[in-house]
Amino acid sequence: MMMVEKKTVLIFNHSCYLLSERSGSWDAARMDCRNRGADLLVINSPEEQKFLSTITTEVWIGLNDKEQEGTWRWVDGTPQILMNWGRDQPDNGGEEDCVHLGGDKQKSWNDLWCSSSHQWICEKVS
């Protein structure tokens, strides 16, 4: 019997997004995306952030400050320009170096321990 992974695929502008069905650490999420020829989501515009607010679960995105504390960078190497931090975030509560879209209506960003378990969004730009 072959197991088939259920996939949620979304399209916006020139990107294709895959919402994972399973949960894992930020590093596991990134590895899964890279194995698919994509990477964790990079949010480039307010329009893209608004589009993502339709997702109903908390998910890892490709923003972190693992290299230098307080210097947030996207997985594609670009610095964080657009900001959608939740109230009192980022708070670095106990070495929180990875970012996920929170559970609020706006999908505000929240820094969290990279070892925490969440679903994730892979993005492939066409």
PDB file of N, CA and C in Angstrom:
ATOM      1  N   MET A   1       0.846  -1.179   0.000  1.00  0.00           N
ATOM      2  CA  MET A   1       0.000   0.000   0.000  1.00  0.00           C
ATOM      3  C   MET A   1       0.891   1.241   0.000  1.00  0.00           C
ATOM      4  N   MET A   2       0.625   2.177  -0.880  1.00  0.00           N
ATOM      5  CA  MET A   2       1.418   3.394  -0.976  1.00  0.00           C
ATOM      6  C   MET A   2       0.740   4.517  -0.197  1.00  0.00           C
ATOM      7  N   MET A   3       1.535   5.226   0.617  1.00  0.00           N
ATOM      8  CA  MET A   3       1.009   6.372   1.361  1.00  0.00           C
ATOM      9  C   MET A   3       1.173   7.618   0.505  1.00  0.00           C
ATOM     10  N   VAL A   4       0.123   8.403   0.399  1.00  0.00           N
ATOM     11  CA  VAL A   4       0.165   9.644  -0.361  1.00  0.00           C
ATOM     12  C   VAL A   4      -0.008  10.793   0.616  1.00  0.00           C
ATOM     13  N   GLU A   5       0.929  11.743   0.570  1.00  0.00           N
ATOM     14  CA  GLU A   5       0.850  12.895   1.454  1.00  0.00           C
ATOM     15  C   GLU A   5      -0.174  13.875   0.902  1.00  0.00           C
ATOM     16  N   LYS A   6      -1.122  14.264   1.730  1.00  0.00           N
ATOM     17  CA  LYS A   6      -2.109  15.261   1.346  1.00  0.00           C
ATOM     18  C   LYS A   6      -1.404  16.617   1.289  1.00  0.00           C
ATOM     19  N   LYS A   7      -1.653  17.385   0.230  1.00  0.00           N
ATOM     20  CA  LYS A   7      -0.956  18.648   0.055  1.00  0.00           C
ATOM     21  C   LYS A   7      -1.944  19.789  -0.146  1.00  0.00           C
ATOM     22  N   THR A   8      -1.625  20.929   0.463  1.00  0.00           N
ATOM     23  CA  THR A   8      -2.363  22.150   0.225  1.00  0.00           C
ATOM     24  C   THR A   8      -1.443  23.086  -0.538  1.00  0.00           C
ATOM     25  N   VAL A   9      -1.798  23.374  -1.782  1.00  0.00           N
ATOM     26  CA  VAL A   9      -0.988  24.227  -2.636  1.00  0.00           C
ATOM     27  C   VAL A   9      -1.748  25.523  -2.883  1.00  0.00           C
ATOM     28  N   LEU A  10      -1.049  26.648  -2.726  1.00  0.00           N
ATOM     29  CA  LEU A  10      -1.624  27.967  -2.956  1.00  0.00           C
ATOM     30  C   LEU A  10      -0.784  28.700  -3.989  1.00  0.00           C
ATOM     31  N   ILE A  11      -1.404  29.563  -4.778  1.00  0.00           N
ATOM     32  CA  ILE A  11      -0.701  30.357  -5.786  1.00  0.00           C
ATOM     33  C   ILE A  11      -0.973  31.826  -5.518  1.00  0.00           C
ATOM     34  N   PHE A  12       0.085  32.647  -5.550  1.00  0.00           N
ATOM     35  CA  PHE A  12      -0.060  34.092  -5.400  1.00  0.00           C
ATOM     36  C   PHE A  12       1.054  34.760  -6.191  1.00  0.00           C
ATOM     37  N   ASN A  13       0.693  35.713  -7.041  1.00  0.00           N
ATOM     38  CA  ASN A  13       1.648  36.384  -7.922  1.00  0.00           C
ATOM     39  C   ASN A  13       2.493  35.343  -8.654  1.00  0.00           C
ATOM     40  N   HIS A  14       3.789  35.372  -8.490  1.00  0.00           N
ATOM     41  CA  HIS A  14       4.665  34.447  -9.213  1.00  0.00           C
ATOM     42  C   HIS A  14       5.216  33.354  -8.310  1.00  0.00           C
ATOM     43  N   SER A  15       4.504  33.053  -7.238  1.00  0.00           N
ATOM     44  CA  SER A  15       4.972  32.035  -6.302  1.00  0.00           C
ATOM     45  C   SER A  15       3.940  30.932  -6.122  1.00  0.00           C
ATOM     46  N   CYS A  16       4.474  29.755  -5.843  1.00  0.00           N
ATOM     47  CA  CYS A  16       3.661  28.591  -5.512  1.00  0.00           C
ATOM     48  C   CYS A  16       4.012  28.221  -4.070  1.00  0.00           C
ATOM     49  N   TYR A  17       3.006  28.039  -3.241  1.00  0.00           N
ATOM     50  CA  TYR A  17       3.208  27.747  -1.822  1.00  0.00           C
ATOM     51  C   TYR A  17       2.680  26.361  -1.506  1.00  0.00           C
ATOM     52  N   LEU A  18       3.420  25.643  -0.680  1.00  0.00           N
ATOM     53  CA  LEU A  18       2.988  24.334  -0.210  1.00  0.00           C
ATOM     54  C   LEU A  18       2.900  24.391   1.308  1.00  0.00           C
ATOM     55  N   LEU A  19       1.711  24.137   1.834  1.00  0.00           N
ATOM     56  CA  LEU A  19       1.509  24.081   3.276  1.00  0.00           C
ATOM     57  C   LEU A  19       1.704  22.636   3.716  1.00  0.00           C
ATOM     58  N   SER A  20       2.640  22.427   4.632  1.00  0.00           N
ATOM     59  CA  SER A  20       2.909  21.067   5.098  1.00  0.00           C
ATOM     60  C   SER A  20       1.712  20.518   5.862  1.00  0.00           C
ATOM     61  N   GLU A  21       1.604  19.212   5.850  1.00  0.00           N
ATOM     62  CA  GLU A  21       0.554  18.555   6.627  1.00  0.00           C
ATOM     63  C   GLU A  21       1.081  18.109   7.982  1.00  0.00           C
ATOM     64  N   ARG A  22       2.398  17.976   8.100  1.00  0.00           N
ATOM     65  CA  ARG A  22       2.985  17.539   9.363  1.00  0.00           C
ATOM     66  C   ARG A  22       3.673  18.716  10.052  1.00  0.00           C
ATOM     67  N   SER A  23       4.118  18.492  11.248  1.00  0.00           N
ATOM     68  CA  SER A  23       4.798  19.516  12.034  1.00  0.00           C
ATOM     69  C   SER A  23       6.227  19.077  12.314  1.00  0.00           C
ATOM     70  N   GLY A  24       7.074  20.055  12.594  1.00  0.00           N
ATOM     71  CA  GLY A  24       8.450  19.755  12.935  1.00  0.00           C
ATOM     72  C   GLY A  24       9.182  21.022  13.324  1.00  0.00           C
ATOM     73  N   SER A  25      10.469  20.881  13.589  1.00  0.00           N
ATOM     74  CA  SER A  25      11.299  22.027  13.948  1.00  0.00           C
ATOM     75  C   SER A  25      11.505  22.924  12.735  1.00  0.00           C
ATOM     76  N   TRP A  26      12.027  24.130  12.967  1.00  0.00           N
ATOM     77  CA  TRP A  26      12.307  25.057  11.869  1.00  0.00           C
ATOM     78  C   TRP A  26      13.335  24.450  10.916  1.00  0.00           C
ATOM     79  N   ASP A  27      14.380  23.824  11.458  1.00  0.00           N
ATOM     80  CA  ASP A  27      15.410  23.223  10.611  1.00  0.00           C
ATOM     81  C   ASP A  27      14.856  22.063   9.778  1.00  0.00           C
ATOM     82  N   ALA A  28      13.997  21.238  10.383  1.00  0.00           N
ATOM     83  CA  ALA A  28      13.373  20.140   9.642  1.00  0.00           C
ATOM     84  C   ALA A  28      12.466  20.692   8.547  1.00  0.00           C
ATOM     85  N   ALA A  29      11.769  21.778   8.857  1.00  0.00           N
ATOM     86  CA  ALA A  29      10.891  22.426   7.877  1.00  0.00           C
ATOM     87  C   ALA A  29      11.703  22.921   6.689  1.00  0.00           C
ATOM     88  N   ARG A  30      12.813  23.581   6.961  1.00  0.00           N
ATOM     89  CA  ARG A  30      13.642  24.108   5.881  1.00  0.00           C
ATOM     90  C   ARG A  30      14.211  22.970   5.031  1.00  0.00           C
ATOM     91  N   MET A  31      14.645  21.907   5.679  1.00  0.00           N
ATOM     92  CA  MET A  31      15.187  20.769   4.938  1.00  0.00           C
ATOM     93  C   MET A  31      14.118  20.171   4.017  1.00  0.00           C
ATOM     94  N   ASP A  32      12.893  20.048   4.518  1.00  0.00           N
ATOM     95  CA  ASP A  32      11.806  19.511   3.702  1.00  0.00           C
ATOM     96  C   ASP A  32      11.569  20.404   2.473  1.00  0.00           C
ATOM     97  N   CYS A  33      11.536  21.706   2.677  1.00  0.00           N
ATOM     98  CA  CYS A  33      11.324  22.635   1.564  1.00  0.00           C
ATOM     99  C   CYS A  33      12.454  22.514   0.540  1.00  0.00           C
ATOM    100  N   ARG A  34      13.682  22.487   1.012  1.00  0.00           N
ATOM    101  CA  ARG A  34      14.825  22.396   0.096  1.00  0.00           C
ATOM    102  C   ARG A  34      14.820  21.081  -0.676  1.00  0.00           C
ATOM    103  N   ASN A  35      14.394  20.016  -0.034  1.00  0.00           N
ATOM    104  CA  ASN A  35      14.286  18.722  -0.719  1.00  0.00           C
ATOM    105  C   ASN A  35      13.229  18.756  -1.821  1.00  0.00           C
ATOM    106  N   ARG A  36      12.327  19.714  -1.743  1.00  0.00           N
ATOM    107  CA  ARG A  36      11.277  19.876  -2.754  1.00  0.00           C
ATOM    108  C   ARG A  36      11.665  20.905  -3.825  1.00  0.00           C
ATOM    109  N   GLY A  37      12.900  21.424  -3.754  1.00  0.00           N
ATOM    110  CA  GLY A  37      13.336  22.431  -4.718  1.00  0.00           C
ATOM    111  C   GLY A  37      12.802  23.814  -4.418  1.00  0.00           C
ATOM    112  N   ALA A  38      12.453  24.054  -3.165  1.00  0.00           N
ATOM    113  CA  ALA A  38      11.897  25.340  -2.726  1.00  0.00           C
ATOM    114  C   ALA A  38      12.649  25.776  -1.472  1.00  0.00           C
ATOM    115  N   ASP A  39      12.083  26.692  -0.721  1.00  0.00           N
ATOM    116  CA  ASP A  39      12.638  27.084   0.572  1.00  0.00           C
ATOM    117  C   ASP A  39      11.493  27.581   1.432  1.00  0.00           C
ATOM    118  N   LEU A  40      11.768  27.811   2.697  1.00  0.00           N
ATOM    119  CA  LEU A  40      10.737  28.378   3.557  1.00  0.00           C
ATOM    120  C   LEU A  40      10.308  29.736   3.008  1.00  0.00           C
ATOM    121  N   LEU A  41       9.089  30.077   3.265  1.00  0.00           N
ATOM    122  CA  LEU A  41       8.449  31.291   2.773  1.00  0.00           C
ATOM    123  C   LEU A  41       9.210  32.563   3.118  1.00  0.00           C
ATOM    124  N   VAL A  42       9.385  33.435   2.127  1.00  0.00           N
ATOM    125  CA  VAL A  42       9.933  34.779   2.299  1.00  0.00           C
ATOM    126  C   VAL A  42       8.807  35.750   1.955  1.00  0.00           C
ATOM    127  N   ILE A  43       8.434  36.604   2.896  1.00  0.00           N
ATOM    128  CA  ILE A  43       7.328  37.549   2.680  1.00  0.00           C
ATOM    129  C   ILE A  43       7.910  38.862   2.175  1.00  0.00           C
ATOM    130  N   ASN A  44       7.559  39.215   0.927  1.00  0.00           N
ATOM    131  CA  ASN A  44       8.145  40.367   0.254  1.00  0.00           C
ATOM    132  C   ASN A  44       7.272  41.613   0.202  1.00  0.00           C
ATOM    133  N   SER A  45       5.992  41.499   0.539  1.00  0.00           N
ATOM    134  CA  SER A  45       5.110  42.660   0.383  1.00  0.00           C
ATOM    135  C   SER A  45       3.931  42.579   1.350  1.00  0.00           C
ATOM    136  N   PRO A  46       3.317  43.731   1.638  1.00  0.00           N
ATOM    137  CA  PRO A  46       2.108  43.731   2.469  1.00  0.00           C
ATOM    138  C   PRO A  46       0.983  42.905   1.823  1.00  0.00           C
ATOM    139  N   GLU A  47       0.938  42.888   0.492  1.00  0.00           N
ATOM    140  CA  GLU A  47      -0.085  42.117  -0.212  1.00  0.00           C
ATOM    141  C   GLU A  47       0.099  40.617   0.020  1.00  0.00           C
ATOM    142  N   GLU A  48       1.358  40.183   0.009  1.00  0.00           N
ATOM    143  CA  GLU A  48       1.643  38.776   0.265  1.00  0.00           C
ATOM    144  C   GLU A  48       1.286  38.425   1.710  1.00  0.00           C
ATOM    145  N   GLN A  49       1.616  39.297   2.652  1.00  0.00           N
ATOM    146  CA  GLN A  49       1.268  39.066   4.056  1.00  0.00           C
ATOM    147  C   GLN A  49      -0.247  38.953   4.204  1.00  0.00           C
ATOM    148  N   LYS A  50      -0.985  39.828   3.544  1.00  0.00           N
ATOM    149  CA  LYS A  50      -2.449  39.784   3.623  1.00  0.00           C
ATOM    150  C   LYS A  50      -2.985  38.480   3.034  1.00  0.00           C
ATOM    151  N   PHE A  51      -2.434  38.059   1.912  1.00  0.00           N
ATOM    152  CA  PHE A  51      -2.812  36.794   1.289  1.00  0.00           C
ATOM    153  C   PHE A  51      -2.602  35.635   2.274  1.00  0.00           C
ATOM    154  N   LEU A  52      -1.507  35.663   2.997  1.00  0.00           N
ATOM    155  CA  LEU A  52      -1.175  34.585   3.930  1.00  0.00           C
ATOM    156  C   LEU A  52      -2.075  34.560   5.156  1.00  0.00           C
ATOM    157  N   SER A  53      -2.777  35.660   5.417  1.00  0.00           N
ATOM    158  CA  SER A  53      -3.661  35.702   6.586  1.00  0.00           C
ATOM    159  C   SER A  53      -4.846  34.750   6.429  1.00  0.00           C
ATOM    160  N   THR A  54      -5.029  34.165   5.231  1.00  0.00           N
ATOM    161  CA  THR A  54      -6.106  33.196   5.021  1.00  0.00           C
ATOM    162  C   THR A  54      -5.752  31.815   5.565  1.00  0.00           C
ATOM    163  N   ILE A  55      -4.485  31.602   5.906  1.00  0.00           N
ATOM    164  CA  ILE A  55      -4.054  30.305   6.441  1.00  0.00           C
ATOM    165  C   ILE A  55      -4.532  30.191   7.882  1.00  0.00           C
ATOM    166  N   THR A  56      -5.102  29.069   8.221  1.00  0.00           N
ATOM    167  CA  THR A  56      -5.761  28.945   9.523  1.00  0.00           C
ATOM    168  C   THR A  56      -4.895  28.356  10.627  1.00  0.00           C
ATOM    169  N   THR A  57      -3.669  27.994  10.313  1.00  0.00           N
ATOM    170  CA  THR A  57      -2.807  27.379  11.317  1.00  0.00           C
ATOM    171  C   THR A  57      -1.521  28.188  11.489  1.00  0.00           C
ATOM    172  N   GLU A  58      -0.835  27.983  12.607  1.00  0.00           N
ATOM    173  CA  GLU A  58       0.453  28.634  12.824  1.00  0.00           C
ATOM    174  C   GLU A  58       1.518  27.877  12.048  1.00  0.00           C
ATOM    175  N   VAL A  59       2.360  28.607  11.300  1.00  0.00           N
ATOM    176  CA  VAL A  59       3.352  27.957  10.438  1.00  0.00           C
ATOM    177  C   VAL A  59       4.699  28.663  10.500  1.00  0.00           C
ATOM    178  N   TRP A  60       5.768  27.867  10.329  1.00  0.00           N
ATOM    179  CA  TRP A  60       7.115  28.431  10.211  1.00  0.00           C
ATOM    180  C   TRP A  60       7.233  29.204   8.904  1.00  0.00           C
ATOM    181  N   ILE A  61       7.975  30.319   8.955  1.00  0.00           N
ATOM    182  CA  ILE A  61       8.352  31.052   7.757  1.00  0.00           C
ATOM    183  C   ILE A  61       9.880  31.175   7.748  1.00  0.00           C
ATOM    184  N   GLY A  62      10.428  31.658   6.662  1.00  0.00           N
ATOM    185  CA  GLY A  62      11.881  31.675   6.486  1.00  0.00           C
ATOM    186  C   GLY A  62      12.588  32.885   7.050  1.00  0.00           C
ATOM    187  N   LEU A  63      12.245  33.306   8.246  1.00  0.00           N
ATOM    188  CA  LEU A  63      12.885  34.454   8.893  1.00  0.00           C
ATOM    189  C   LEU A  63      13.517  33.987  10.199  1.00  0.00           C
ATOM    190  N   ASN A  64      14.777  34.400  10.440  1.00  0.00           N
ATOM    191  CA  ASN A  64      15.457  34.004  11.674  1.00  0.00           C
ATOM    192  C   ASN A  64      16.588  34.980  11.990  1.00  0.00           C
ATOM    193  N   ASP A  65      17.071  34.906  13.219  1.00  0.00           N
ATOM    194  CA  ASP A  65      18.265  35.681  13.617  1.00  0.00           C
ATOM    195  C   ASP A  65      19.314  34.742  14.218  1.00  0.00           C
ATOM    196  N   LYS A  66      19.443  33.562  13.620  1.00  0.00           N
ATOM    197  CA  LYS A  66      20.375  32.546  14.114  1.00  0.00           C
ATOM    198  C   LYS A  66      21.835  32.983  13.996  1.00  0.00           C
ATOM    199  N   GLU A  67      22.183  33.696  12.933  1.00  0.00           N
ATOM    200  CA  GLU A  67      23.577  34.093  12.728  1.00  0.00           C
ATOM    201  C   GLU A  67      24.007  35.199  13.669  1.00  0.00           C
ATOM    202  N   GLN A  68      23.155  36.209  13.821  1.00  0.00           N
ATOM    203  CA  GLN A  68      23.478  37.327  14.701  1.00  0.00           C
ATOM    204  C   GLN A  68      22.211  37.769  15.421  1.00  0.00           C
ATOM    205  N   GLU A  69      22.243  37.671  16.734  1.00  0.00           N
ATOM    206  CA  GLU A  69      21.087  38.008  17.556  1.00  0.00           C
ATOM    207  C   GLU A  69      20.580  39.410  17.241  1.00  0.00           C
ATOM    208  N   GLY A  70      19.287  39.505  16.956  1.00  0.00           N
ATOM    209  CA  GLY A  70      18.657  40.799  16.684  1.00  0.00           C
ATOM    210  C   GLY A  70      18.735  41.249  15.234  1.00  0.00           C
ATOM    211  N   THR A  71      19.495  40.534  14.399  1.00  0.00           N
ATOM    212  CA  THR A  71      19.574  40.853  12.970  1.00  0.00           C
ATOM    213  C   THR A  71      18.767  39.797  12.228  1.00  0.00           C
ATOM    214  N   TRP A  72      17.532  40.156  11.896  1.00  0.00           N
ATOM    215  CA  TRP A  72      16.614  39.221  11.259  1.00  0.00           C
ATOM    216  C   TRP A  72      16.877  39.169   9.762  1.00  0.00           C
ATOM    217  N   ARG A  73      17.032  37.957   9.244  1.00  0.00           N
ATOM    218  CA  ARG A  73      17.284  37.747   7.814  1.00  0.00           C
ATOM    219  C   ARG A  73      16.374  36.641   7.293  1.00  0.00           C
ATOM    220  N   TRP A  74      15.992  36.804   6.041  1.00  0.00           N
ATOM    221  CA  TRP A  74      15.217  35.785   5.357  1.00  0.00           C
ATOM    222  C   TRP A  74      16.165  34.696   4.856  1.00  0.00           C
ATOM    223  N   VAL A  75      15.634  33.517   4.574  1.00  0.00           N
ATOM    224  CA  VAL A  75      16.456  32.394   4.122  1.00  0.00           C
ATOM    225  C   VAL A  75      17.146  32.672   2.784  1.00  0.00           C
ATOM    226  N   ASP A  76      16.633  33.624   2.001  1.00  0.00           N
ATOM    227  CA  ASP A  76      17.296  33.964   0.735  1.00  0.00           C
ATOM    228  C   ASP A  76      18.408  34.995   0.933  1.00  0.00           C
ATOM    229  N   GLY A  77      18.695  35.340   2.206  1.00  0.00           N
ATOM    230  CA  GLY A  77      19.786  36.259   2.529  1.00  0.00           C
ATOM    231  C   GLY A  77      19.385  37.719   2.628  1.00  0.00           C
ATOM    232  N   THR A  78      18.158  38.045   2.260  1.00  0.00           N
ATOM    233  CA  THR A  78      17.738  39.446   2.316  1.00  0.00           C
ATOM    234  C   THR A  78      17.415  39.854   3.749  1.00  0.00           C
ATOM    235  N   PRO A  79      17.703  41.118   4.090  1.00  0.00           N
ATOM    236  CA  PRO A  79      17.363  41.592   5.432  1.00  0.00           C
ATOM    237  C   PRO A  79      15.857  41.793   5.549  1.00  0.00           C
ATOM    238  N   GLN A  80      15.396  41.787   6.778  1.00  0.00           N
ATOM    239  CA  GLN A  80      13.983  42.027   7.031  1.00  0.00           C
ATOM    240  C   GLN A  80      13.700  43.506   6.842  1.00  0.00           C
ATOM    241  N   ILE A  81      12.814  43.830   5.904  1.00  0.00           N
ATOM    242  CA  ILE A  81      12.393  45.216   5.678  1.00  0.00           C
ATOM    243  C   ILE A  81      10.929  45.350   6.096  1.00  0.00           C
ATOM    244  N   LEU A  82      10.066  44.520   5.506  1.00  0.00           N
ATOM    245  CA  LEU A  82       8.660  44.470   5.882  1.00  0.00           C
ATOM    246  C   LEU A  82       8.571  43.953   7.315  1.00  0.00           C
ATOM    247  N   MET A  83       7.698  44.544   8.114  1.00  0.00           N
ATOM    248  CA  MET A  83       7.535  44.085   9.489  1.00  0.00           C
ATOM    249  C   MET A  83       6.075  43.831   9.787  1.00  0.00           C
ATOM    250  N   ASN A  84       5.819  42.693  10.392  1.00  0.00           N
ATOM    251  CA  ASN A  84       4.464  42.354  10.816  1.00  0.00           C
ATOM    252  C   ASN A  84       4.515  41.644  12.173  1.00  0.00           C
ATOM    253  N   TRP A  85       5.392  42.139  13.037  1.00  0.00           N
ATOM    254  CA  TRP A  85       5.547  41.540  14.357  1.00  0.00           C
ATOM    255  C   TRP A  85       4.279  41.702  15.181  1.00  0.00           C
ATOM    256  N   GLY A  86       3.979  40.692  15.965  1.00  0.00           N
ATOM    257  CA  GLY A  86       2.874  40.779  16.912  1.00  0.00           C
ATOM    258  C   GLY A  86       3.243  41.719  18.051  1.00  0.00           C
ATOM    259  N   ARG A  87       2.285  42.002  18.881  1.00  0.00           N
ATOM    260  CA  ARG A  87       2.493  42.895  20.027  1.00  0.00           C
ATOM    261  C   ARG A  87       3.631  42.372  20.898  1.00  0.00           C
ATOM    262  N   ASP A  88       4.561  43.270  21.242  1.00  0.00           N
ATOM    263  CA  ASP A  88       5.719  42.960  22.092  1.00  0.00           C
ATOM    264  C   ASP A  88       6.661  41.913  21.480  1.00  0.00           C
ATOM    265  N   GLN A  89       6.659  41.793  20.170  1.00  0.00           N
ATOM    266  CA  GLN A  89       7.539  40.854  19.465  1.00  0.00           C
ATOM    267  C   GLN A  89       8.509  41.630  18.578  1.00  0.00           C
ATOM    268  N   PRO A  90       9.670  41.130  18.283  1.00  0.00           N
ATOM    269  CA  PRO A  90      10.224  39.895  18.834  1.00  0.00           C
ATOM    270  C   PRO A  90      10.684  40.107  20.268  1.00  0.00           C
ATOM    271  N   ASP A  91      10.492  39.106  21.115  1.00  0.00           N
ATOM    272  CA  ASP A  91      10.853  39.253  22.530  1.00  0.00           C
ATOM    273  C   ASP A  91      12.031  38.377  22.938  1.00  0.00           C
ATOM    274  N   ASN A  92      12.491  37.505  22.023  1.00  0.00           N
ATOM    275  CA  ASN A  92      13.643  36.644  22.287  1.00  0.00           C
ATOM    276  C   ASN A  92      13.537  35.919  23.620  1.00  0.00           C
ATOM    277  N   GLY A  93      12.337  35.534  23.988  1.00  0.00           N
ATOM    278  CA  GLY A  93      12.136  34.838  25.256  1.00  0.00           C
ATOM    279  C   GLY A  93      12.875  33.520  25.298  1.00  0.00           C
ATOM    280  N   GLY A  94      14.079  33.495  25.823  1.00  0.00           N
ATOM    281  CA  GLY A  94      14.844  32.257  25.944  1.00  0.00           C
ATOM    282  C   GLY A  94      15.442  31.803  24.634  1.00  0.00           C
ATOM    283  N   GLU A  95      16.143  32.692  23.949  1.00  0.00           N
ATOM    284  CA  GLU A  95      16.831  32.329  22.699  1.00  0.00           C
ATOM    285  C   GLU A  95      15.872  31.942  21.574  1.00  0.00           C
ATOM    286  N   GLU A  96      14.882  32.741  21.342  1.00  0.00           N
ATOM    287  CA  GLU A  96      13.924  32.487  20.272  1.00  0.00           C
ATOM    288  C   GLU A  96      14.472  33.088  18.978  1.00  0.00           C
ATOM    289  N   ASP A  97      14.956  32.229  18.077  1.00  0.00           N
ATOM    290  CA  ASP A  97      15.656  32.685  16.881  1.00  0.00           C
ATOM    291  C   ASP A  97      14.913  32.440  15.571  1.00  0.00           C
ATOM    292  N   CYS A  98      13.787  31.753  15.600  1.00  0.00           N
ATOM    293  CA  CYS A  98      13.045  31.433  14.374  1.00  0.00           C
ATOM    294  C   CYS A  98      11.639  32.021  14.461  1.00  0.00           C
ATOM    295  N   VAL A  99      11.044  32.279  13.292  1.00  0.00           N
ATOM    296  CA  VAL A  99       9.777  33.012  13.251  1.00  0.00           C
ATOM    297  C   VAL A  99       8.666  32.165  12.640  1.00  0.00           C
ATOM    298  N   HIS A 100       7.496  32.291  13.245  1.00  0.00           N
ATOM    299  CA  HIS A 100       6.303  31.652  12.678  1.00  0.00           C
ATOM    300  C   HIS A 100       5.178  32.670  12.591  1.00  0.00           C
ATOM    301  N   LEU A 101       4.220  32.382  11.707  1.00  0.00           N
ATOM    302  CA  LEU A 101       3.017  33.196  11.622  1.00  0.00           C
ATOM    303  C   LEU A 101       2.140  32.794  12.783  1.00  0.00           C
ATOM    304  N   GLY A 102       1.762  33.762  13.600  1.00  0.00           N
ATOM    305  CA  GLY A 102       1.000  33.481  14.806  1.00  0.00           C
ATOM    306  C   GLY A 102      -0.445  33.107  14.560  1.00  0.00           C
ATOM    307  N   GLY A 103      -1.170  32.907  15.637  1.00  0.00           N
ATOM    308  CA  GLY A 103      -2.555  32.454  15.553  1.00  0.00           C
ATOM    309  C   GLY A 103      -3.582  33.562  15.486  1.00  0.00           C
ATOM    310  N   ASP A 104      -3.149  34.815  15.425  1.00  0.00           N
ATOM    311  CA  ASP A 104      -4.115  35.908  15.364  1.00  0.00           C
ATOM    312  C   ASP A 104      -4.636  36.100  13.936  1.00  0.00           C
ATOM    313  N   LYS A 105      -5.639  36.936  13.801  1.00  0.00           N
ATOM    314  CA  LYS A 105      -6.302  37.157  12.515  1.00  0.00           C
ATOM    315  C   LYS A 105      -5.358  37.698  11.441  1.00  0.00           C
ATOM    316  N   GLN A 106      -4.398  38.538  11.830  1.00  0.00           N
ATOM    317  CA  GLN A 106      -3.462  39.142  10.883  1.00  0.00           C
ATOM    318  C   GLN A 106      -2.252  38.259  10.592  1.00  0.00           C
ATOM    319  N   LYS A 107      -2.164  37.122  11.264  1.00  0.00           N
ATOM    320  CA  LYS A 107      -0.995  36.245  11.136  1.00  0.00           C
ATOM    321  C   LYS A 107       0.281  37.020  11.443  1.00  0.00           C
ATOM    322  N   SER A 108       0.267  37.714  12.571  1.00  0.00           N
ATOM    323  CA  SER A 108       1.441  38.462  13.022  1.00  0.00           C
ATOM    324  C   SER A 108       2.594  37.509  13.268  1.00  0.00           C
ATOM    325  N   TRP A 109       3.806  38.056  13.178  1.00  0.00           N
ATOM    326  CA  TRP A 109       5.005  37.247  13.357  1.00  0.00           C
ATOM    327  C   TRP A 109       5.348  37.129  14.827  1.00  0.00           C
ATOM    328  N   ASN A 110       5.884  35.967  15.190  1.00  0.00           N
ATOM    329  CA  ASN A 110       6.307  35.708  16.558  1.00  0.00           C
ATOM    330  C   ASN A 110       7.618  34.929  16.516  1.00  0.00           C
ATOM    331  N   ASP A 111       8.604  35.381  17.301  1.00  0.00           N
ATOM    332  CA  ASP A 111       9.838  34.609  17.393  1.00  0.00           C
ATOM    333  C   ASP A 111       9.640  33.480  18.402  1.00  0.00           C
ATOM    334  N   LEU A 112      10.280  32.362  18.114  1.00  0.00           N
ATOM    335  CA  LEU A 112      10.053  31.150  18.882  1.00  0.00           C
ATOM    336  C   LEU A 112      11.312  30.309  18.855  1.00  0.00           C
ATOM    337  N   TRP A 113      11.443  29.360  19.795  1.00  0.00           N
ATOM    338  CA  TRP A 113      12.567  28.433  19.770  1.00  0.00           C
ATOM    339  C   TRP A 113      12.511  27.641  18.473  1.00  0.00           C
ATOM    340  N   CYS A 114      13.625  27.496  17.807  1.00  0.00           N
ATOM    341  CA  CYS A 114      13.685  26.792  16.519  1.00  0.00           C
ATOM    342  C   CYS A 114      13.333  25.312  16.654  1.00  0.00           C
ATOM    343  N   SER A 115      13.462  24.776  17.861  1.00  0.00           N
ATOM    344  CA  SER A 115      13.154  23.360  18.084  1.00  0.00           C
ATOM    345  C   SER A 115      11.662  23.117  18.307  1.00  0.00           C
ATOM    346  N   SER A 116      10.866  24.181  18.419  1.00  0.00           N
ATOM    347  CA  SER A 116       9.414  24.026  18.581  1.00  0.00           C
ATOM    348  C   SER A 116       8.838  23.333  17.354  1.00  0.00           C
ATOM    349  N   SER A 117       7.670  22.774  17.489  1.00  0.00           N
ATOM    350  CA  SER A 117       7.063  22.024  16.392  1.00  0.00           C
ATOM    351  C   SER A 117       5.861  22.765  15.816  1.00  0.00           C
ATOM    352  N   HIS A 118       5.956  23.078  14.520  1.00  0.00           N
ATOM    353  CA  HIS A 118       4.866  23.725  13.777  1.00  0.00           C
ATOM    354  C   HIS A 118       4.827  23.173  12.367  1.00  0.00           C
ATOM    355  N   GLN A 119       3.716  23.385  11.705  1.00  0.00           N
ATOM    356  CA  GLN A 119       3.661  23.157  10.271  1.00  0.00           C
ATOM    357  C   GLN A 119       4.476  24.276   9.625  1.00  0.00           C
ATOM    358  N   TRP A 120       4.651  24.232   8.301  1.00  0.00           N
ATOM    359  CA  TRP A 120       5.441  25.252   7.612  1.00  0.00           C
ATOM    360  C   TRP A 120       4.905  25.485   6.215  1.00  0.00           C
ATOM    361  N   ILE A 121       5.409  26.562   5.598  1.00  0.00           N
ATOM    362  CA  ILE A 121       5.054  26.880   4.218  1.00  0.00           C
ATOM    363  C   ILE A 121       6.328  26.953   3.392  1.00  0.00           C
ATOM    364  N   CYS A 122       6.355  26.139   2.336  1.00  0.00           N
ATOM    365  CA  CYS A 122       7.441  26.212   1.352  1.00  0.00           C
ATOM    366  C   CYS A 122       6.994  27.153   0.234  1.00  0.00           C
ATOM    367  N   GLU A 123       7.948  27.885  -0.316  1.00  0.00           N
ATOM    368  CA  GLU A 123       7.657  28.796  -1.420  1.00  0.00           C
ATOM    369  C   GLU A 123       8.619  28.520  -2.561  1.00  0.00           C
ATOM    370  N   LYS A 124       8.062  28.424  -3.745  1.00  0.00           N
ATOM    371  CA  LYS A 124       8.872  28.295  -4.949  1.00  0.00           C
ATOM    372  C   LYS A 124       8.479  29.431  -5.887  1.00  0.00           C
ATOM    373  N   VAL A 125       9.453  30.279  -6.211  1.00  0.00           N
ATOM    374  CA  VAL A 125       9.193  31.413  -7.088  1.00  0.00           C
ATOM    375  C   VAL A 125       9.379  30.957  -8.520  1.00  0.00           C
ATOM    376  N   SER A 126       8.385  31.260  -9.350  1.00  0.00           N
ATOM    377  CA  SER A 126       8.481  30.834 -10.758  1.00  0.00           C
ATOM    378  C   SER A 126       9.066  31.911 -11.644  1.00  0.00           C
TER     379      SER A 126
END
